[in-house]
């Protein structure tokens, strides 16, 4: 599956690294592409549980706002 998450509040390379670190800790995430300028995170993941874990972890460890999630199967 592929999901695109629009995030508000990212502004620098450290923001990208934080999101990449979150994704790297979650089994089932095969691609984690962070575009700081567009405020967009593109994921390729095995299950909805992987996506839900990324979303929960972003909400727990950052001040970013998740504005929209689109999943393409």
C-alpha atoms as a PDB file:
ATOM      1  CA  UNK A   1       0.000   0.000   0.000  1.00  0.00           C
ATOM      2  CA  UNK A   2       0.990   3.586  -0.501  1.00  0.00           C
ATOM      3  CA  UNK A   3      -0.116   6.452   1.724  1.00  0.00           C
ATOM      4  CA  UNK A   4       0.419  10.181   1.453  1.00  0.00           C
ATOM      5  CA  UNK A   5       0.257  12.176   4.681  1.00  0.00           C
ATOM      6  CA  UNK A   6       0.089  15.966   4.631  1.00  0.00           C
ATOM      7  CA  UNK A   7       1.891  17.405   7.656  1.00  0.00           C
ATOM      8  CA  UNK A   8       1.805  20.992   8.854  1.00  0.00           C
ATOM      9  CA  UNK A   9       4.739  22.348  10.833  1.00  0.00           C
ATOM     10  CA  UNK A  10       7.781  20.796   9.147  1.00  0.00           C
ATOM     11  CA  UNK A  11      10.385  23.387   8.216  1.00  0.00           C
ATOM     12  CA  UNK A  12      13.938  21.994   8.187  1.00  0.00           C
ATOM     13  CA  UNK A  13      16.221  19.002   7.712  1.00  0.00           C
ATOM     14  CA  UNK A  14      15.860  18.058  11.371  1.00  0.00           C
ATOM     15  CA  UNK A  15      12.126  17.686  10.824  1.00  0.00           C
ATOM     16  CA  UNK A  16      12.813  15.255   7.982  1.00  0.00           C
ATOM     17  CA  UNK A  17      15.255  13.247  10.099  1.00  0.00           C
ATOM     18  CA  UNK A  18      12.750  12.989  12.971  1.00  0.00           C
ATOM     19  CA  UNK A  19      10.040  11.613  10.682  1.00  0.00           C
ATOM     20  CA  UNK A  20      12.488   9.230   8.988  1.00  0.00           C
ATOM     21  CA  UNK A  21      13.587   7.945  12.406  1.00  0.00           C
ATOM     22  CA  UNK A  22       9.972   7.309  13.378  1.00  0.00           C
ATOM     23  CA  UNK A  23       9.381   5.356  10.165  1.00  0.00           C
ATOM     24  CA  UNK A  24      12.583   3.321  10.461  1.00  0.00           C
ATOM     25  CA  UNK A  25      11.463   1.933  13.825  1.00  0.00           C
ATOM     26  CA  UNK A  26       8.197   0.508  12.483  1.00  0.00           C
ATOM     27  CA  UNK A  27       8.060  -2.951  10.855  1.00  0.00           C
ATOM     28  CA  UNK A  28       6.248  -3.034   7.533  1.00  0.00           C
ATOM     29  CA  UNK A  29       7.368   0.400   6.297  1.00  0.00           C
ATOM     30  CA  UNK A  30       9.401  -0.094   3.116  1.00  0.00           C
ATOM     31  CA  UNK A  31       9.535   3.518   1.866  1.00  0.00           C
ATOM     32  CA  UNK A  32       9.495   6.730   3.872  1.00  0.00           C
ATOM     33  CA  UNK A  33       9.930   9.820   1.697  1.00  0.00           C
ATOM     34  CA  UNK A  34       9.691  13.164   3.493  1.00  0.00           C
ATOM     35  CA  UNK A  35       9.266  16.358   1.464  1.00  0.00           C
ATOM     36  CA  UNK A  36       9.681  19.229   3.922  1.00  0.00           C
ATOM     37  CA  UNK A  37       8.924  21.936   1.360  1.00  0.00           C
ATOM     38  CA  UNK A  38       5.581  20.389   0.417  1.00  0.00           C
ATOM     39  CA  UNK A  39       4.816  19.205   3.951  1.00  0.00           C
ATOM     40  CA  UNK A  40       4.283  15.710   2.658  1.00  0.00           C
ATOM     41  CA  UNK A  41       5.208  12.218   3.828  1.00  0.00           C
ATOM     42  CA  UNK A  42       4.902   9.358   1.346  1.00  0.00           C
ATOM     43  CA  UNK A  43       4.911   5.853   2.782  1.00  0.00           C
ATOM     44  CA  UNK A  44       4.859   2.399   1.311  1.00  0.00           C
ATOM     45  CA  UNK A  45       3.679  -0.077   3.913  1.00  0.00           C
ATOM     46  CA  UNK A  46       2.489  -3.649   4.287  1.00  0.00           C
ATOM     47  CA  UNK A  47      -0.523  -3.149   6.529  1.00  0.00           C
ATOM     48  CA  UNK A  48      -2.893  -0.526   7.887  1.00  0.00           C
ATOM     49  CA  UNK A  49      -1.383  -1.241  11.302  1.00  0.00           C
ATOM     50  CA  UNK A  50       1.977   0.082  10.074  1.00  0.00           C
ATOM     51  CA  UNK A  51       0.313   3.288   8.886  1.00  0.00           C
ATOM     52  CA  UNK A  52      -1.609   3.667  12.144  1.00  0.00           C
ATOM     53  CA  UNK A  53       1.613   3.247  14.138  1.00  0.00           C
ATOM     54  CA  UNK A  54       3.387   5.951  12.099  1.00  0.00           C
ATOM     55  CA  UNK A  55       0.464   8.339  12.600  1.00  0.00           C
ATOM     56  CA  UNK A  56       0.322   7.636  16.347  1.00  0.00           C
ATOM     57  CA  UNK A  57       4.079   8.075  16.761  1.00  0.00           C
ATOM     58  CA  UNK A  58       4.098  11.353  14.818  1.00  0.00           C
ATOM     59  CA  UNK A  59       1.321  12.662  17.052  1.00  0.00           C
ATOM     60  CA  UNK A  60       3.124  11.519  20.209  1.00  0.00           C
ATOM     61  CA  UNK A  61       6.644  12.788  19.565  1.00  0.00           C
ATOM     62  CA  UNK A  62       6.222  15.901  17.461  1.00  0.00           C
ATOM     63  CA  UNK A  63       4.298  19.129  17.163  1.00  0.00           C
ATOM     64  CA  UNK A  64       3.308  18.453  13.550  1.00  0.00           C
ATOM     65  CA  UNK A  65      -0.336  18.501  12.590  1.00  0.00           C
ATOM     66  CA  UNK A  66      -1.616  15.737  10.343  1.00  0.00           C
ATOM     67  CA  UNK A  67      -3.911  17.496   7.914  1.00  0.00           C
ATOM     68  CA  UNK A  68      -4.845  14.711   5.490  1.00  0.00           C
ATOM     69  CA  UNK A  69      -4.105  11.039   4.836  1.00  0.00           C
ATOM     70  CA  UNK A  70      -4.711   9.411   1.465  1.00  0.00           C
ATOM     71  CA  UNK A  71      -4.118   5.690   1.019  1.00  0.00           C
ATOM     72  CA  UNK A  72      -3.757   4.130  -2.411  1.00  0.00           C
ATOM     73  CA  UNK A  73      -4.069   0.353  -2.551  1.00  0.00           C
END
